Amino acid sequence: MKKILGLFAIVILTAVPAMAQKFAYVDSEYILQNIPEYNDAQAQIDELSTEWQGEVETKFKAIDKLYKDYQAESVLLPDEMKRKREDDIIKAEKEAKELQKKRFGKDGDLFKKRQELIKPIQDKVFSAIEQVAQAKNYAIIFDKSGSVTVMWADPKYDISDDVLDEMGYSFNTRRNK
């Protein structure tokens, strides 16, 4: 009987503090949309992406023209010229794919530019979230715009505006709490 009461007391003593922990959530998409530097960085990345995509498409169009010209003339070409043209097409295709990988690959120019422009802003947001969490004594903060699925959340626990305040930004629309 003493063991049962002791075990019950331990469960109660550990459960009460666990229930007292505070939780909140942020909408990082909303926060980022209200940071002018992020919007400028995103516009710059979009512009570079469009420019680089055009560069890659131009290369592939040139290859397509080479291939069509080759097909039209291949009947009349000697074997040596056919091989040379085929080699030229293969070389041009390889160069175009390398350019595409250089610009848009896993560690390509677009990724590096995104890291250069966006990461400092994300770090600033994370730091502000951390400061708000510590100041208001939150145990866990979820991001409802990320991969965590939040099926429903009471707006009174949304601290996105507090994070923007902490960072010194005004917001486009004040959220109702």
C-alpha atoms as a PDB file:
ATOM      1  CA  MET A   1       0.000   0.000   0.000  1.00  0.00           C
ATOM      2  CA  LYS A   2       2.841   2.393   0.807  1.00  0.00           C
ATOM      3  CA  LYS A   3       4.443   1.584  -2.542  1.00  0.00           C
ATOM      4  CA  ILE A   4       1.210   2.388  -4.377  1.00  0.00           C
ATOM      5  CA  LEU A   5       0.792   5.700  -2.512  1.00  0.00           C
ATOM      6  CA  GLY A   6       4.453   6.567  -3.134  1.00  0.00           C
ATOM      7  CA  LEU A   7       4.127   5.763  -6.824  1.00  0.00           C
ATOM      8  CA  PHE A   8       0.908   7.796  -7.003  1.00  0.00           C
ATOM      9  CA  ALA A   9       2.642  10.767  -5.326  1.00  0.00           C
ATOM     10  CA  ILE A  10       5.541  10.589  -7.790  1.00  0.00           C
ATOM     11  CA  VAL A  11       3.150  10.493 -10.754  1.00  0.00           C
ATOM     12  CA  ILE A  12       1.211  13.492  -9.417  1.00  0.00           C
ATOM     13  CA  LEU A  13       4.361  15.474  -8.682  1.00  0.00           C
ATOM     14  CA  THR A  14       5.789  14.892 -12.163  1.00  0.00           C
ATOM     15  CA  ALA A  15       2.483  15.325 -14.011  1.00  0.00           C
ATOM     16  CA  VAL A  16       1.538  18.703 -12.510  1.00  0.00           C
ATOM     17  CA  PRO A  17       4.653  20.566 -13.738  1.00  0.00           C
ATOM     18  CA  ALA A  18       4.336  18.908 -17.136  1.00  0.00           C
ATOM     19  CA  MET A  19       0.770  20.172 -17.488  1.00  0.00           C
ATOM     20  CA  ALA A  20       1.877  23.692 -16.531  1.00  0.00           C
ATOM     21  CA  GLN A  21       4.187  24.042 -19.538  1.00  0.00           C
ATOM     22  CA  LYS A  22       3.185  26.679 -22.047  1.00  0.00           C
ATOM     23  CA  PHE A  23       2.953  26.122 -25.787  1.00  0.00           C
ATOM     24  CA  ALA A  24       2.639  28.596 -28.631  1.00  0.00           C
ATOM     25  CA  TYR A  25       2.937  28.680 -32.384  1.00  0.00           C
ATOM     26  CA  VAL A  26       4.177  31.032 -35.060  1.00  0.00           C
ATOM     27  CA  ASP A  27       3.449  31.362 -38.743  1.00  0.00           C
ATOM     28  CA  SER A  28       6.926  31.810 -40.201  1.00  0.00           C
ATOM     29  CA  GLU A  29       5.481  32.512 -43.650  1.00  0.00           C
ATOM     30  CA  TYR A  30       3.486  35.432 -42.210  1.00  0.00           C
ATOM     31  CA  ILE A  31       6.534  36.687 -40.307  1.00  0.00           C
ATOM     32  CA  LEU A  32       8.791  36.562 -43.367  1.00  0.00           C
ATOM     33  CA  GLN A  33       6.181  38.297 -45.553  1.00  0.00           C
ATOM     34  CA  ASN A  34       6.240  41.203 -43.104  1.00  0.00           C
ATOM     35  CA  ILE A  35      10.018  41.664 -43.295  1.00  0.00           C
ATOM     36  CA  PRO A  36      10.964  44.029 -46.137  1.00  0.00           C
ATOM     37  CA  GLU A  37      14.520  42.624 -46.374  1.00  0.00           C
ATOM     38  CA  TYR A  38      13.092  39.147 -46.988  1.00  0.00           C
ATOM     39  CA  ASN A  39      10.800  40.378 -49.750  1.00  0.00           C
ATOM     40  CA  ASP A  40      13.735  42.211 -51.385  1.00  0.00           C
ATOM     41  CA  ALA A  41      15.955  39.121 -51.115  1.00  0.00           C
ATOM     42  CA  GLN A  42      13.221  36.893 -52.525  1.00  0.00           C
ATOM     43  CA  ALA A  43      12.695  39.291 -55.451  1.00  0.00           C
ATOM     44  CA  GLN A  44      16.440  39.266 -56.149  1.00  0.00           C
ATOM     45  CA  ILE A  45      16.516  35.447 -56.056  1.00  0.00           C
ATOM     46  CA  ASP A  46      13.481  35.241 -58.368  1.00  0.00           C
ATOM     47  CA  GLU A  47      15.123  37.641 -60.819  1.00  0.00           C
ATOM     48  CA  LEU A  48      18.380  35.642 -60.846  1.00  0.00           C
ATOM     49  CA  SER A  49      16.468  32.392 -61.235  1.00  0.00           C
ATOM     50  CA  THR A  50      14.573  33.744 -64.242  1.00  0.00           C
ATOM     51  CA  GLU A  51      17.782  35.059 -65.812  1.00  0.00           C
ATOM     52  CA  TRP A  52      19.645  31.781 -65.279  1.00  0.00           C
ATOM     53  CA  GLN A  53      16.684  29.727 -66.519  1.00  0.00           C
ATOM     54  CA  GLY A  54      16.681  31.796 -69.700  1.00  0.00           C
ATOM     55  CA  GLU A  55      20.407  31.168 -70.089  1.00  0.00           C
ATOM     56  CA  VAL A  56      19.889  27.394 -69.777  1.00  0.00           C
ATOM     57  CA  GLU A  57      16.885  27.392 -72.126  1.00  0.00           C
ATOM     58  CA  THR A  58      18.894  29.294 -74.742  1.00  0.00           C
ATOM     59  CA  LYS A  59      21.576  26.602 -74.630  1.00  0.00           C
ATOM     60  CA  PHE A  60      19.020  23.813 -75.025  1.00  0.00           C
ATOM     61  CA  LYS A  61      17.302  25.619 -77.924  1.00  0.00           C
ATOM     62  CA  ALA A  62      20.676  25.906 -79.683  1.00  0.00           C
ATOM     63  CA  ILE A  63      21.224  22.174 -79.152  1.00  0.00           C
ATOM     64  CA  ASP A  64      17.764  21.439 -80.538  1.00  0.00           C
ATOM     65  CA  LYS A  65      18.587  23.499 -83.643  1.00  0.00           C
ATOM     66  CA  LEU A  66      21.920  21.661 -84.054  1.00  0.00           C
ATOM     67  CA  TYR A  67      20.116  18.334 -83.808  1.00  0.00           C
ATOM     68  CA  LYS A  68      17.394  19.300 -86.308  1.00  0.00           C
ATOM     69  CA  ASP A  69      19.999  20.613 -88.754  1.00  0.00           C
ATOM     70  CA  TYR A  70      21.956  17.407 -88.332  1.00  0.00           C
ATOM     71  CA  GLN A  71      18.880  15.264 -89.003  1.00  0.00           C
ATOM     72  CA  ALA A  72      18.062  17.257 -92.129  1.00  0.00           C
ATOM     73  CA  GLU A  73      21.601  17.027 -93.518  1.00  0.00           C
ATOM     74  CA  SER A  74      22.693  13.598 -92.218  1.00  0.00           C
ATOM     75  CA  VAL A  75      21.696  11.786 -95.402  1.00  0.00           C
ATOM     76  CA  LEU A  76      24.098  13.895 -97.440  1.00  0.00           C
ATOM     77  CA  LEU A  77      27.019  13.955 -94.960  1.00  0.00           C
ATOM     78  CA  PRO A  78      29.997  11.585 -95.100  1.00  0.00           C
ATOM     79  CA  ASP A  79      30.500   9.342 -92.044  1.00  0.00           C
ATOM     80  CA  GLU A  80      33.365  11.448 -90.699  1.00  0.00           C
ATOM     81  CA  MET A  81      31.225  14.642 -90.755  1.00  0.00           C
ATOM     82  CA  LYS A  82      28.315  12.776 -89.165  1.00  0.00           C
ATOM     83  CA  ARG A  83      30.524  11.695 -86.232  1.00  0.00           C
ATOM     84  CA  LYS A  84      31.889  15.222 -85.845  1.00  0.00           C
ATOM     85  CA  ARG A  85      28.380  16.721 -85.782  1.00  0.00           C
ATOM     86  CA  GLU A  86      27.192  14.053 -83.317  1.00  0.00           C
ATOM     87  CA  ASP A  87      30.196  14.776 -81.096  1.00  0.00           C
ATOM     88  CA  ASP A  88      29.455  18.524 -81.273  1.00  0.00           C
ATOM     89  CA  ILE A  89      25.827  17.918 -80.274  1.00  0.00           C
ATOM     90  CA  ILE A  90      26.844  15.619 -77.399  1.00  0.00           C
ATOM     91  CA  LYS A  91      29.451  18.159 -76.220  1.00  0.00           C
ATOM     92  CA  ALA A  92      26.944  21.034 -76.366  1.00  0.00           C
ATOM     93  CA  GLU A  93      24.353  18.951 -74.499  1.00  0.00           C
ATOM     94  CA  LYS A  94      26.888  18.095 -71.798  1.00  0.00           C
ATOM     95  CA  GLU A  95      27.838  21.769 -71.411  1.00  0.00           C
ATOM     96  CA  ALA A  96      24.170  22.766 -71.119  1.00  0.00           C
ATOM     97  CA  LYS A  97      23.525  20.130 -68.444  1.00  0.00           C
ATOM     98  CA  GLU A  98      26.630  21.255 -66.545  1.00  0.00           C
ATOM     99  CA  LEU A  99      25.421  24.860 -66.688  1.00  0.00           C
ATOM    100  CA  GLN A 100      21.989  23.763 -65.450  1.00  0.00           C
ATOM    101  CA  LYS A 101      23.606  21.842 -62.576  1.00  0.00           C
ATOM    102  CA  LYS A 102      25.928  24.774 -61.786  1.00  0.00           C
ATOM    103  CA  ARG A 103      22.999  27.192 -61.573  1.00  0.00           C
ATOM    104  CA  PHE A 104      20.243  25.017 -60.098  1.00  0.00           C
ATOM    105  CA  GLY A 105      21.982  21.947 -58.657  1.00  0.00           C
ATOM    106  CA  LYS A 106      22.140  20.870 -55.047  1.00  0.00           C
ATOM    107  CA  ASP A 107      25.031  23.224 -54.241  1.00  0.00           C
ATOM    108  CA  GLY A 108      24.491  25.476 -57.246  1.00  0.00           C
ATOM    109  CA  ASP A 109      24.554  29.222 -57.607  1.00  0.00           C
ATOM    110  CA  LEU A 110      20.858  29.602 -56.733  1.00  0.00           C
ATOM    111  CA  PHE A 111      21.289  27.594 -53.510  1.00  0.00           C
ATOM    112  CA  LYS A 112      24.351  29.659 -52.550  1.00  0.00           C
ATOM    113  CA  LYS A 113      22.559  32.929 -53.276  1.00  0.00           C
ATOM    114  CA  ARG A 114      19.572  31.807 -51.226  1.00  0.00           C
ATOM    115  CA  GLN A 115      21.909  30.916 -48.339  1.00  0.00           C
ATOM    116  CA  GLU A 116      23.633  34.293 -48.660  1.00  0.00           C
ATOM    117  CA  LEU A 117      20.441  36.364 -48.729  1.00  0.00           C
ATOM    118  CA  ILE A 118      17.773  34.388 -46.849  1.00  0.00           C
ATOM    119  CA  LYS A 119      19.676  32.507 -44.122  1.00  0.00           C
ATOM    120  CA  PRO A 120      20.680  35.638 -42.133  1.00  0.00           C
ATOM    121  CA  ILE A 121      17.023  36.722 -42.085  1.00  0.00           C
ATOM    122  CA  GLN A 122      15.889  33.248 -40.973  1.00  0.00           C
ATOM    123  CA  ASP A 123      18.548  33.294 -38.235  1.00  0.00           C
ATOM    124  CA  LYS A 124      17.269  36.692 -37.098  1.00  0.00           C
ATOM    125  CA  VAL A 125      13.694  35.339 -36.963  1.00  0.00           C
ATOM    126  CA  PHE A 126      14.806  32.264 -35.012  1.00  0.00           C
ATOM    127  CA  SER A 127      16.677  34.454 -32.540  1.00  0.00           C
ATOM    128  CA  ALA A 128      13.586  36.642 -32.029  1.00  0.00           C
ATOM    129  CA  ILE A 129      11.413  33.535 -31.536  1.00  0.00           C
ATOM    130  CA  GLU A 130      13.874  32.264 -28.968  1.00  0.00           C
ATOM    131  CA  GLN A 131      13.871  35.613 -27.123  1.00  0.00           C
ATOM    132  CA  VAL A 132      10.065  35.779 -27.059  1.00  0.00           C
ATOM    133  CA  ALA A 133       9.890  32.146 -25.900  1.00  0.00           C
ATOM    134  CA  GLN A 134      12.297  32.793 -23.052  1.00  0.00           C
ATOM    135  CA  ALA A 135      10.637  36.068 -22.052  1.00  0.00           C
ATOM    136  CA  LYS A 136       7.163  34.495 -21.977  1.00  0.00           C
ATOM    137  CA  ASN A 137       8.349  31.151 -20.615  1.00  0.00           C
ATOM    138  CA  TYR A 138       7.143  28.927 -23.474  1.00  0.00           C
ATOM    139  CA  ALA A 139       8.286  25.313 -23.433  1.00  0.00           C
ATOM    140  CA  ILE A 140       7.580  24.612 -27.123  1.00  0.00           C
ATOM    141  CA  ILE A 141       6.819  26.782 -30.125  1.00  0.00           C
ATOM    142  CA  PHE A 142       5.424  25.197 -33.291  1.00  0.00           C
ATOM    143  CA  ASP A 143       5.563  26.620 -36.788  1.00  0.00           C
ATOM    144  CA  LYS A 144       2.184  26.192 -38.423  1.00  0.00           C
ATOM    145  CA  SER A 145       3.475  27.007 -41.918  1.00  0.00           C
ATOM    146  CA  GLY A 146       6.119  24.289 -41.830  1.00  0.00           C
ATOM    147  CA  SER A 147       5.986  20.533 -42.091  1.00  0.00           C
ATOM    148  CA  VAL A 148       4.305  20.164 -38.687  1.00  0.00           C
ATOM    149  CA  THR A 149       0.626  19.751 -39.331  1.00  0.00           C
ATOM    150  CA  VAL A 150      -1.454  21.934 -37.057  1.00  0.00           C
ATOM    151  CA  MET A 151      -5.068  20.998 -37.632  1.00  0.00           C
ATOM    152  CA  TRP A 152      -6.405  23.769 -35.442  1.00  0.00           C
ATOM    153  CA  ALA A 153      -4.820  26.391 -33.241  1.00  0.00           C
ATOM    154  CA  ASP A 154      -6.351  28.966 -30.964  1.00  0.00           C
ATOM    155  CA  PRO A 155      -5.210  32.392 -32.237  1.00  0.00           C
ATOM    156  CA  LYS A 156      -4.451  33.512 -28.673  1.00  0.00           C
ATOM    157  CA  TYR A 157      -1.388  31.232 -28.781  1.00  0.00           C
ATOM    158  CA  ASP A 158      -0.084  32.738 -32.034  1.00  0.00           C
ATOM    159  CA  ILE A 159       2.986  34.785 -31.120  1.00  0.00           C
ATOM    160  CA  SER A 160       3.925  35.759 -34.696  1.00  0.00           C
ATOM    161  CA  ASP A 161       3.196  39.445 -34.028  1.00  0.00           C
ATOM    162  CA  ASP A 162       5.275  39.283 -30.832  1.00  0.00           C
ATOM    163  CA  VAL A 163       8.193  37.953 -32.883  1.00  0.00           C
ATOM    164  CA  LEU A 164       7.816  40.794 -35.397  1.00  0.00           C
ATOM    165  CA  ASP A 165       7.663  43.266 -32.488  1.00  0.00           C
ATOM    166  CA  GLU A 166      10.825  41.725 -31.040  1.00  0.00           C
ATOM    167  CA  MET A 167      12.557  42.220 -34.391  1.00  0.00           C
ATOM    168  CA  GLY A 168      11.335  45.823 -34.638  1.00  0.00           C
ATOM    169  CA  TYR A 169       9.072  45.363 -37.655  1.00  0.00           C
ATOM    170  CA  SER A 170       5.573  46.608 -38.178  1.00  0.00           C
ATOM    171  CA  PHE A 171       3.180  44.140 -39.750  1.00  0.00           C
ATOM    172  CA  ASN A 172       0.806  44.485 -42.666  1.00  0.00           C
ATOM    173  CA  THR A 173      -2.163  43.145 -40.774  1.00  0.00           C
ATOM    174  CA  ARG A 174      -2.502  42.773 -37.033  1.00  0.00           C
ATOM    175  CA  ARG A 175      -3.715  39.319 -36.147  1.00  0.00           C
ATOM    176  CA  ASN A 176      -6.789  39.028 -33.986  1.00  0.00           C
ATOM    177  CA  LYS A 177      -6.079  37.340 -30.710  1.00  0.00           C
END
